[in-house]
Protein backbone atom coordinates (compact mmCIF):
# COMPACT_ATOMS: atom_id res chain seq x y z
CA MET A 1 0.00 0.00 0.00
CA LYS A 2 1.43 3.38 -1.03
CA ALA A 3 0.89 6.74 0.62
CA GLU A 4 -1.23 7.86 -2.34
CA SER A 5 -3.84 5.27 -1.33
CA LEU A 6 -4.64 7.40 1.72
CA GLY A 7 -6.65 9.63 -0.57
CA PHE A 8 -4.87 12.70 0.86
CA SER A 9 -1.57 14.43 0.25
CA PRO A 10 0.97 12.50 2.38
CA THR A 11 2.38 15.70 3.86
CA VAL A 12 -1.11 17.01 4.69
CA TRP A 13 -1.97 13.67 6.30
CA LEU A 14 1.13 13.76 8.53
CA GLU A 15 0.72 17.44 9.41
CA SER A 16 -2.90 16.81 10.44
CA LEU A 17 -1.93 13.83 12.56
CA PHE A 18 0.90 15.78 14.21
CA LYS A 19 -1.53 18.60 14.99
CA ARG A 20 -4.00 16.18 16.61
CA ILE A 21 -1.17 14.71 18.68
CA VAL A 22 -0.37 18.16 20.04
CA GLU A 23 -4.05 18.97 20.66
CA SER A 24 -4.77 15.66 22.38
CA GLU A 25 -2.27 16.56 25.12
CA ALA A 26 -3.74 19.98 25.82
CA GLY A 27 -6.79 18.85 27.84
CA ARG A 28 -10.13 17.08 27.51
CA GLY A 29 -10.99 19.32 24.57
CA GLY A 30 -8.05 17.77 22.77
CA VAL A 31 -9.75 14.38 22.93
CA GLU A 32 -12.80 15.97 21.29
CA ALA A 33 -10.54 17.29 18.51
CA LEU A 34 -9.07 13.82 18.15
CA CYS A 35 -12.61 12.43 17.75
CA GLN A 36 -13.29 14.93 14.96
CA TYR A 37 -10.12 13.72 13.21
CA LEU A 38 -11.03 10.04 13.67
CA ASP A 39 -14.48 10.68 12.17
CA GLN A 40 -12.80 11.29 8.81
CA ILE A 41 -10.96 7.95 8.77
CA ASP A 42 -13.00 5.31 6.98
CA PHE A 43 -10.29 2.80 6.04
CA ILE A 44 -9.66 1.49 9.60
CA PRO A 45 -12.94 -0.23 10.55
CA ASP A 46 -11.87 -0.96 14.16
CA ILE A 47 -11.83 2.79 14.88
CA VAL A 48 -15.64 3.14 14.68
CA PRO A 49 -16.51 1.58 18.09
CA LEU A 50 -13.51 3.30 19.69
CA ARG A 51 -14.51 6.79 18.65
CA GLN A 52 -18.09 6.06 19.78
CA ALA A 53 -16.74 5.08 23.20
CA MET A 54 -14.65 8.27 23.27
CA LYS A 55 -17.62 10.49 22.45
CA GLY A 56 -20.01 8.73 24.85
CA GLY A 57 -17.57 8.80 27.76
CA SER A 58 -16.59 12.41 27.16
CA ILE A 59 -20.12 13.83 26.98
CA PHE A 60 -21.20 11.74 29.99
CA PHE A 61 -18.34 13.10 32.08
CA GLU A 62 -18.87 16.74 31.07
CA THR A 63 -22.59 16.48 31.84
CA ALA A 64 -21.83 15.00 35.26
CA MET A 65 -19.39 17.82 36.02
CA ALA A 66 -22.05 20.38 35.13
CA LYS A 67 -24.39 18.85 37.72
CA CYS A 68 -21.83 19.55 40.47
CA SER A 69 -22.04 23.33 40.24
CA LYS A 70 -22.55 25.27 43.45
CA GLU A 71 -26.02 26.40 42.43
CA LEU A 72 -27.26 22.85 41.70
CA LEU A 73 -25.79 21.55 44.96
CA LYS A 74 -28.12 23.87 46.88
CA ARG A 75 -31.18 21.86 45.84
CA PRO A 76 -32.77 19.28 48.16
CA VAL A 77 -30.91 15.95 48.42
CA ALA A 78 -33.99 13.94 47.36
CA ALA A 79 -34.38 15.91 44.12
CA ARG A 80 -30.69 15.58 43.31
CA GLU A 81 -30.72 11.86 44.06
CA ASP A 82 -33.73 11.17 41.82
CA GLU A 83 -32.12 13.10 38.98
CA ILE A 84 -28.78 11.29 39.31
CA VAL A 85 -30.36 7.83 39.58
CA GLU A 86 -32.16 8.53 36.31
CA PHE A 87 -29.00 10.02 34.78
CA LEU A 88 -26.81 7.00 35.59
CA GLY A 89 -29.36 4.47 34.31
CA CYS A 90 -28.65 0.73 34.36
CA ALA A 91 -25.61 -1.36 33.49
CA CYS A 92 -24.81 -5.02 32.94
CA GLU A 93 -22.17 -6.24 35.37
CA LYS A 94 -20.92 -8.85 32.89
CA CYS A 95 -20.58 -7.13 29.49
CA GLY A 96 -21.01 -3.46 30.46
CA PHE A 97 -24.15 -2.85 28.38
CA ARG A 98 -25.90 0.36 29.45
CA THR A 99 -29.49 1.46 29.16
CA THR A 100 -32.03 3.73 30.86
CA LEU A 101 -34.14 2.93 33.89
CA ARG A 102 -37.24 2.96 31.70
CA ASN A 103 -35.89 0.03 29.71
CA LEU A 104 -35.23 -2.02 32.84
CA LEU A 105 -38.77 -3.41 32.93
CA GLU A 106 -38.87 -3.91 29.17
CA PHE A 107 -35.72 -6.05 29.35
CA ARG A 108 -37.01 -7.78 32.50
CA ASN A 109 -33.83 -6.99 34.39
CA ARG A 110 -31.80 -9.02 31.83
CA CYS A 111 -29.10 -7.76 29.51
CA PRO A 112 -30.26 -8.12 25.89
CA LYS A 113 -26.69 -9.02 24.87
CA CYS A 114 -25.50 -11.62 27.39
CA ARG A 115 -28.68 -12.24 29.47
CA ALA A 116 -26.83 -11.33 32.69
CA GLU A 117 -28.55 -9.23 35.36
CA LEU A 118 -29.15 -5.52 34.76
CA ARG A 119 -28.80 -3.28 37.82
CA PRO A 120 -29.22 0.45 38.41
CA LEU A 121 -25.73 1.89 38.24
CA TYR A 122 -26.45 4.19 41.17
CA VAL A 123 -27.03 1.18 43.43
CA LYS A 124 -23.91 -0.62 42.24
CA VAL A 125 -21.62 2.39 42.81
CA LEU A 126 -23.29 3.11 46.15
CA MET A 127 -22.56 -0.43 47.39
CA ASP A 128 -18.96 -0.29 46.17
CA MET A 129 -18.35 2.99 48.01
CA VAL A 130 -20.01 1.76 51.23
CA ASN A 131 -18.00 -1.47 51.16
CA GLY A 132 -14.85 0.63 50.70
CA GLY A 133 -15.62 2.69 53.78
CA MET A 134 -16.49 5.91 51.99
CA GLU A 135 -19.40 8.15 52.82
CA THR A 136 -21.75 8.82 49.94
CA THR A 137 -23.64 11.72 48.42
CA PRO A 138 -25.57 11.69 45.14
CA GLU A 139 -22.82 13.75 43.46
CA ALA A 140 -20.03 11.54 44.81
CA ILE A 141 -21.76 8.46 43.40
CA MET A 142 -22.30 10.21 40.07
CA MET A 143 -18.68 11.45 39.76
CA ASN A 144 -17.35 8.03 40.75
CA ALA A 145 -19.19 6.57 37.76
CA ALA A 146 -18.33 9.57 35.55
CA TYR A 147 -14.58 9.16 36.10
CA ASP A 148 -14.92 5.48 35.20
CA ARG A 149 -16.52 6.54 31.91
CA LEU A 150 -13.72 9.07 31.35
CA THR A 151 -11.22 6.25 31.85
CA GLU A 152 -12.96 4.24 29.13
CA SER A 153 -12.79 7.27 26.84
CA TYR A 154 -9.03 7.66 27.35
CA VAL A 155 -8.38 3.96 26.85
CA ALA A 156 -10.36 4.08 23.61
CA ALA A 157 -8.37 7.17 22.55
CA PHE A 158 -5.11 5.29 23.11
CA GLU A 159 -6.30 2.30 21.07
CA ALA A 160 -7.58 4.51 18.24
CA LEU A 161 -4.42 6.61 18.09
CA LYS A 162 -2.32 3.45 18.07
CA LEU A 163 -4.32 2.08 15.12
CA VAL A 164 -3.79 5.32 13.15
CA MET A 165 -0.07 5.46 13.94
CA ASP A 166 0.47 1.80 13.06
CA GLU A 167 -1.40 2.19 9.76
CA THR A 168 0.53 5.39 8.94
CA ALA A 169 3.85 3.66 9.63
CA ARG A 170 2.83 0.75 7.41
CA VAL A 171 1.80 3.04 4.55
CA PHE A 172 5.05 5.00 4.66
CA GLY A 173 7.20 1.92 5.07
CA TRP A 174 8.43 2.77 8.57
CA GLU A 175 9.26 0.21 11.17
CA ARG A 176 7.45 2.34 13.74
CA PHE A 177 5.56 5.64 13.64
CA ARG A 178 7.77 8.61 14.34
CA ILE A 179 7.61 12.40 14.23
CA GLU A 180 9.92 13.59 11.46
CA ASP A 181 10.01 17.29 12.39
CA PRO A 182 12.66 17.90 15.13
CA GLN A 183 10.97 21.19 16.10
CA LEU A 184 7.71 19.40 16.82
CA ARG A 185 9.54 16.77 18.87
CA ASN A 186 11.22 19.54 20.86
CA TYR A 187 7.83 21.21 21.40
CA LEU A 188 6.31 17.99 22.75
CA ASP A 189 9.32 17.38 24.98
CA SER A 190 9.15 20.94 26.32
CA TYR A 191 5.43 20.53 27.01
CA PHE A 192 6.12 17.21 28.73
CA LEU A 193 8.75 18.76 31.02
CA GLY A 194 6.76 21.87 31.93
CA ARG A 195 3.72 24.05 31.35
CA PHE A 196 3.15 26.68 28.70
CA ALA A 197 1.51 30.05 29.28
CA GLY A 198 -2.20 29.99 28.48
CA GLU A 199 -2.61 26.21 28.41
CA THR A 200 -5.81 24.64 29.71
CA LYS A 201 -5.54 23.90 33.41
CA THR A 202 -5.82 20.14 33.86
CA PRO A 203 -5.14 18.03 36.98
CA ARG A 204 -1.51 16.94 37.02
CA GLU A 205 -2.09 13.20 36.68
CA GLU A 206 -4.73 13.70 33.99
CA LYS A 207 -2.29 15.79 31.93
CA GLN A 208 0.24 12.98 32.28
CA VAL A 209 -2.34 10.48 31.03
CA LEU A 210 -3.19 12.70 28.06
CA GLN A 211 0.49 13.02 27.16
CA PHE A 212 0.90 9.27 27.48
CA LEU A 213 -1.71 8.72 24.76
CA ALA A 214 0.74 9.85 22.06
CA ARG A 215 4.03 9.11 23.81
CA GLY A 216 3.00 5.59 24.70
CA CYS A 217 1.75 4.85 21.19
CA MET A 218 4.95 6.10 19.55
CA ALA A 219 7.10 4.14 22.00
CA GLY A 220 5.16 0.93 21.35
CA ALA A 221 3.68 0.51 24.84
CA SER A 222 1.53 -2.62 25.19
CA LEU A 223 -2.23 -2.22 25.44
CA ASP A 224 -2.32 -3.93 28.86
CA ASP A 225 0.31 -1.59 30.33
CA ALA A 226 -1.44 1.41 28.77
CA LYS A 227 -4.81 0.46 30.22
CA LYS A 228 -3.31 -0.05 33.68
CA LEU A 229 -1.51 3.31 33.64
CA ILE A 230 -4.55 5.21 32.32
CA ARG A 231 -6.89 3.65 34.87
CA LEU A 232 -4.56 4.32 37.78
CA GLY A 233 -3.94 7.90 36.64
CA VAL A 234 -7.65 8.71 36.31
CA CYS A 235 -8.35 6.99 39.64
CA VAL A 236 -5.87 9.34 41.33
CA VAL A 237 -7.75 12.30 39.84
CA LYS A 238 -11.11 10.77 40.78
CA TYR A 239 -10.30 10.21 44.45
CA GLY A 240 -8.62 13.60 44.63
CA TYR A 241 -11.79 15.22 43.28
CA LEU A 242 -14.03 13.30 45.69
CA PHE A 243 -11.85 14.31 48.64
CA GLU A 244 -10.92 17.90 47.73
CA VAL A 245 -14.01 19.17 45.87
CA LEU A 246 -16.91 17.07 47.18
CA GLY A 247 -15.51 16.64 50.70
CA ILE A 248 -15.67 12.80 50.85
CA THR A 249 -13.13 12.26 53.65
CA GLY A 250 -12.99 8.49 53.17
CA ALA A 251 -11.65 9.00 49.63
CA TYR A 252 -8.24 10.18 50.86
CA GLY A 253 -7.03 6.70 51.73
CA PHE A 254 -7.85 5.49 48.22
CA TYR A 255 -6.17 8.61 46.80
CA ALA A 256 -2.92 7.93 48.69
CA GLN A 257 -2.91 4.25 47.74
CA THR A 258 -3.57 4.75 44.02
CA LEU A 259 -1.12 7.68 43.90
CA SER A 260 1.65 5.40 45.16
CA GLU A 261 0.82 2.65 42.66
CA TYR A 262 0.47 5.12 39.83
CA GLY A 263 3.74 6.91 40.60
CA GLU A 264 5.70 3.68 40.53
CA LEU A 265 4.16 2.53 37.24
CA TYR A 266 4.45 6.03 35.71
CA ASN A 267 8.22 6.10 36.35
CA LYS A 268 8.60 2.64 34.85
CA MET A 269 6.64 3.54 31.72
CA ASN A 270 8.52 6.83 31.28
CA GLU A 271 11.81 4.96 31.39
CA GLN A 272 10.58 2.57 28.69
CA ILE A 273 9.35 5.47 26.55
CA ARG A 274 12.60 7.40 26.93
CA MET A 275 14.72 4.39 25.94
CA ALA A 276 12.43 3.66 22.98
CA TYR A 277 12.75 7.29 21.83
CA LEU A 278 16.53 7.16 22.08
CA ASP A 279 16.65 4.03 19.96
CA MET A 280 14.01 5.19 17.46
CA TYR A 281 15.39 8.66 16.73
CA ALA A 282 19.03 7.58 16.86
CA THR A 283 18.20 5.07 14.12
CA ALA A 284 16.19 7.58 12.11
CA GLU A 285 18.88 10.27 12.31
CA GLY A 286 21.89 8.01 11.83
CA GLU A 287 23.98 7.67 8.72
CA GLY A 288 21.93 6.75 5.70
CA GLN A 289 22.66 4.59 2.71
CA VAL A 290 22.44 5.87 -0.86
CA THR A 291 22.16 3.47 -3.79
CA ILE A 292 22.63 4.91 -7.28
CA VAL A 293 21.16 3.05 -10.22
CA SER A 294 23.77 3.60 -12.93
CA GLU A 295 23.07 2.74 -16.54
CA GLU A 296 24.23 4.02 -19.92
CA HIS A 297 21.67 5.41 -22.32
CA ALA A 298 22.18 6.48 -25.94
CA GLY A 299 25.95 6.53 -25.51
CA TYR A 300 26.15 8.75 -22.43
CA TYR A 301 25.40 8.56 -18.74
CA ALA A 302 22.48 10.37 -17.15
CA PRO A 303 23.61 13.70 -15.67
CA CYS A 304 20.84 13.76 -13.05
CA PHE A 305 19.10 11.38 -10.68
CA ILE A 306 15.73 11.57 -8.97
CA MET A 307 14.45 10.17 -5.67
CA PRO A 308 11.28 8.06 -5.85
CA ARG A 309 8.23 9.56 -4.12
CA GLY A 310 8.47 7.09 -1.25
CA CYS A 311 11.81 8.61 -0.22
CA TRP A 312 10.45 12.10 0.50
CA GLU A 313 6.65 12.18 0.54
CA SER A 314 6.57 11.95 4.35
CA GLY A 315 8.08 15.44 4.52
CA SER A 316 11.67 14.35 5.15
CA ILE A 317 14.27 12.38 3.22
CA SER A 318 14.39 8.68 4.03
CA LYS A 319 17.44 7.07 5.54
CA GLU A 320 17.88 4.63 2.66
CA LEU A 321 17.77 6.22 -0.79
CA VAL A 322 17.69 4.77 -4.27
CA LEU A 323 18.53 7.40 -6.90
CA LYS A 324 17.21 6.64 -10.36
CA PRO A 325 18.68 8.21 -13.53
CA VAL A 326 16.76 10.99 -15.27
CA TYR A 327 17.40 11.71 -18.94
CA GLY A 328 14.63 14.26 -19.32
CA LEU A 329 15.38 16.49 -16.32
CA PRO A 330 12.21 18.22 -14.97
CA VAL A 331 13.70 21.72 -14.84
CA PHE A 332 10.44 23.21 -13.60
CA PRO A 333 9.06 20.39 -11.43
CA LYS A 334 5.53 20.42 -10.08
CA ALA A 335 4.61 19.80 -6.47
CA ASP A 336 4.53 16.03 -6.92
CA PHE A 337 8.28 16.07 -7.70
CA GLY A 338 9.11 17.52 -4.30
CA ALA A 339 10.58 20.89 -3.39
CA LEU A 340 14.23 20.04 -2.85
CA GLN A 341 16.88 19.78 -5.54
CA THR A 342 20.56 19.23 -4.76
CA VAL A 343 23.61 18.97 -6.99
CA TYR A 344 26.58 16.79 -5.99
CA ALA A 345 29.77 16.34 -8.04
CA ARG A 346 33.54 16.55 -7.74
CA LEU A 347 35.35 19.86 -8.18
CA GLY A 348 35.14 21.08 -11.78
CA ALA A 349 32.54 18.50 -12.82
CA GLY A 350 30.03 21.14 -13.95
CA LYS A 351 27.77 21.86 -10.96
CA THR A 352 27.83 25.63 -11.51
CA PHE A 353 27.50 25.11 -15.25
CA LEU A 354 24.34 23.05 -14.74
CA LEU A 355 22.76 25.58 -12.36
CA SER A 356 23.71 28.48 -14.64
CA ALA A 357 22.17 26.65 -17.58
CA ILE A 358 18.93 26.14 -15.65
CA ALA A 359 18.85 29.84 -14.72
CA CYS A 360 19.30 30.83 -18.37
CA TYR A 361 16.74 28.25 -19.47
CA SER A 362 14.17 29.76 -17.10
CA VAL A 363 14.72 33.10 -18.84
CA LEU A 364 14.23 31.67 -22.32
CA SER A 365 11.41 29.26 -21.47
CA LYS A 366 9.45 31.09 -18.78
CA HIS A 367 10.49 34.67 -19.60
CA GLU A 368 11.59 35.13 -16.01
CA VAL A 369 13.88 37.62 -14.28
CA VAL A 370 16.69 35.93 -12.34
CA PHE A 371 18.60 37.88 -9.69
CA CYS A 372 22.11 36.57 -8.98
CA PRO A 373 24.83 38.05 -6.69
CA LEU A 374 28.30 37.38 -8.13
CA ASN A 375 31.65 36.80 -6.50
CA ASP A 376 34.17 39.25 -7.96
CA LYS A 377 36.61 36.37 -8.56
CA SER A 378 34.26 34.64 -10.98
CA ASN A 379 32.50 35.61 -14.19
CA SER A 380 29.73 33.04 -13.69
CA LEU A 381 26.64 34.14 -15.65
CA SER A 382 28.19 37.49 -16.57
CA LEU A 383 28.87 36.15 -20.10
CA ALA A 384 25.43 34.58 -20.50
CA CYS A 385 24.54 37.39 -22.90
CA ILE A 386 26.53 35.71 -25.69
CA PRO A 387 26.25 32.14 -27.01
CA MET A 388 28.87 29.72 -25.72
CA PHE A 389 31.94 29.02 -27.85
CA GLY A 390 34.92 26.74 -27.35
CA TYR A 391 37.65 29.19 -26.45
CA ASP A 392 39.58 26.59 -24.43
CA LYS A 393 39.61 22.80 -24.00
CA ARG A 394 37.12 22.85 -21.12
CA THR A 395 34.45 24.81 -22.96
CA LYS A 396 35.13 22.76 -26.08
CA ASP A 397 34.36 19.58 -24.13
CA LEU A 398 31.21 21.20 -22.73
CA LEU A 399 30.10 22.15 -26.23
CA GLU A 400 30.59 18.59 -27.42
CA THR A 401 28.49 17.34 -24.49
CA LEU A 402 25.75 19.81 -25.37
CA ASN A 403 25.79 18.65 -28.97
CA VAL A 404 25.27 15.05 -27.78
CA LEU A 405 22.34 16.22 -25.69
CA GLY A 406 20.89 18.15 -28.60
CA VAL A 407 21.20 21.53 -26.91
CA GLU A 408 22.25 24.64 -28.85
CA PRO A 409 23.64 27.45 -26.68
CA GLN A 410 22.15 30.89 -27.16
CA GLY A 411 22.52 34.24 -25.47
CA VAL A 412 20.08 35.65 -22.92
CA PRO A 413 19.52 39.28 -21.86
CA THR A 414 21.98 40.02 -19.06
CA LEU A 415 22.47 43.14 -16.96
CA THR A 416 25.57 43.23 -14.73
CA LEU A 417 25.51 45.77 -11.90
CA THR A 418 28.97 46.63 -10.55
CA VAL A 419 28.75 48.19 -7.08
CA LEU A 420 31.36 50.90 -6.35
CA ARG A 421 31.91 53.46 -3.65
CA LYS A 422 31.28 56.99 -4.78
CA GLY A 423 34.43 58.22 -6.53
CA GLU A 424 35.91 54.74 -6.88
CA GLN A 425 37.13 53.74 -10.36
CA VAL A 426 36.49 50.49 -12.20
CA ARG A 427 39.59 48.29 -12.09
CA ASP A 428 41.14 46.38 -15.02
CA VAL A 429 39.32 48.43 -17.67
CA ASP A 430 41.89 47.45 -20.28
CA GLN A 431 41.55 43.71 -19.70
CA HIS A 432 37.83 43.78 -18.90
CA PRO A 433 36.26 46.81 -20.60
CA PRO A 434 32.60 47.62 -19.82
CA THR A 435 30.05 46.51 -22.38
CA VAL A 436 26.47 47.47 -23.21
CA PHE A 437 25.44 44.90 -20.61
CA ASP A 438 27.27 46.64 -17.73
CA ARG A 439 25.99 49.29 -15.34
CA VAL A 440 27.71 50.94 -12.36
CA VAL A 441 25.90 51.52 -9.06
CA GLU A 442 27.53 54.08 -6.76
CA VAL A 443 26.80 53.58 -3.06
CA GLU A 444 27.98 54.97 0.26
CA ASN A 445 28.47 51.57 1.88
CA PRO A 446 29.11 48.63 -0.47
CA ARG A 447 28.33 46.14 2.32
CA SER A 448 24.80 47.39 2.93
CA PHE A 449 22.86 49.16 0.22
CA GLN A 450 19.53 49.26 -1.58
CA VAL A 451 18.86 49.03 -5.30
CA ASP A 452 16.25 51.07 -7.17
CA PHE A 453 14.59 48.16 -8.95
CA ARG A 454 12.39 50.42 -11.03
CA GLN A 455 15.46 51.87 -12.72
CA VAL A 456 17.09 48.43 -12.93
CA MET A 457 14.04 46.96 -14.68
CA LYS A 458 14.01 49.89 -17.10
CA GLU A 459 17.65 49.19 -17.98
CA LEU A 460 16.96 45.46 -18.33
CA LYS A 461 14.07 46.16 -20.69
CA GLU A 462 16.44 48.07 -22.98
CA VAL A 463 18.87 45.14 -22.93
CA ALA A 464 16.13 42.58 -23.57
CA GLU A 465 14.57 44.31 -26.59
CA PRO A 466 17.37 43.30 -29.09
CA TYR A 467 16.74 39.67 -28.02
CA GLY A 468 13.12 39.93 -29.10
CA PHE A 469 11.49 40.58 -25.70
CA SER A 470 9.03 43.44 -25.29
CA ARG A 471 9.35 43.55 -21.51
CA PRO A 472 12.08 43.09 -18.88
CA VAL A 473 13.36 39.51 -19.13
CA GLY A 474 16.77 38.09 -18.28
CA LEU A 475 19.54 37.91 -15.71
CA ILE A 476 20.41 40.63 -13.22
CA CYS A 477 23.94 40.00 -11.92
CA VAL A 478 25.29 42.11 -9.04
CA ARG A 479 29.05 42.35 -8.44
CA ASN A 480 30.45 44.04 -5.33
CA MET A 481 34.01 45.13 -6.11
CA ASP A 482 34.68 45.86 -2.43
CA ARG A 483 35.49 42.18 -1.72
CA PHE A 484 32.15 40.42 -1.90
CA ASP A 485 32.53 37.46 0.47
CA ALA A 486 30.60 35.54 3.11
CA ASP A 487 30.73 38.51 5.51
CA ALA A 488 29.38 41.03 3.04
CA ASN A 489 25.74 42.02 3.33
CA MET A 490 24.05 43.03 0.08
CA ASN A 491 20.82 44.43 1.46
CA VAL A 492 18.46 44.44 -1.51
CA ASP A 493 14.94 45.80 -0.99
CA VAL A 494 13.18 42.52 -1.82
CA GLN A 495 9.69 43.84 -1.07
CA ALA A 496 10.12 46.73 -3.48
CA ALA A 497 11.42 44.34 -6.13
CA SER A 498 8.50 41.98 -5.60
CA ASN A 499 5.96 44.79 -5.88
CA LEU A 500 7.62 46.02 -9.04
CA LEU A 501 7.78 42.59 -10.70
CA SER A 502 4.12 41.99 -9.96
CA GLN A 503 3.27 44.89 -12.28
CA PHE A 504 4.61 43.00 -15.28
CA ASP A 505 2.60 40.40 -17.17
CA ARG A 506 4.06 37.06 -16.08
């Protein structure tokens, strides 16, 4: 199965999944956002019951929380109890089937699925709390059941996210799902180690559970370990809520006990996740292997190679590459060719020649304007205005290669701007006299200056007209005679240039 079979752009698919991973850790609302994402996935059938469990548990919990407001707690106990008994409904102790109290008589106290006994959930939770030595109130019984439903929602979220990650890894040919973007990994690690300003306030252990949903899935945590950690974590929050908010004093003992069990398991799982991350990302970022498919075609070797889509469609370059020869180089590739082109070759093998040829080709084919800063030690592109001729052995060999490829060199409109300090003279006039393609720009500071692109485009138009162009087309080469090097800063007003170029018919 290839990434195209997803029915979405592979990069869009991964970006959306990464976004949901971040949102799922931000609070209960993140689980709702994850549900919205899972609703759009139709090719993993097992997700359907999981997202239903997530939605049901989430809305049940939020409704229960709303019933614990200070205003509603002022009502008579009998009224609150009747409402909560009806709200909790009935449940099967064997298979977990739930229904309303009104259906209890219709089903004759028997579960329609497994025929086990149906009991009012209020009574079941009440008995469990009494047997555990806790005092009870209608709200304490309700929130006890509500946190159990929230636990089910989080467990379902873990299972669903694991299914999506596993399927994504399989589609992209990964051994295990991973986050390719280092910045996103750093963001998640920073969020894991601390809080961010403005984030939703969530109980500490619940935030840890939410973060575990993605971290545990990526680290390959087993479903049994995940369920145990999630249940213990939510139980800590549940007993803390019963004790701190609802004032159920008997809940503190359960809080202390589950907190101890959870803390021990949480440390163990974090160690496993950290070691899995070290292994996973060390492997992903290690030295890669490149295989080049070399073959001769029509008497010459292919000058360029291309990576198959599977090597880059995930948004990053794969560790193992297979470069295939390209005889018809896509000079102006579309989006499905990727956005990264690199040129590798030994010194003097023609890298600059190839790139210069592509720049000139864009002028002739697309009628574009190409801006190119020049090093004063090189004449690269400055002679593009005249067709190539074999004035030495190297250019003669290049001409012969072009003849084999069926390419005939031709001149392109070129405007060379030589930047001088005011009053400074052009050097080597005898050996390199100015031509009709040269202009001089006088500046105060040759390391930081601005160019009047309106005047430059006017000059380029005059140069381009003899080549048959009615508008500015060609190369604009800028040479800084005051030692243009890596430290020099040629501050060109790019915004002004962009605004000016937009006025011309492209």
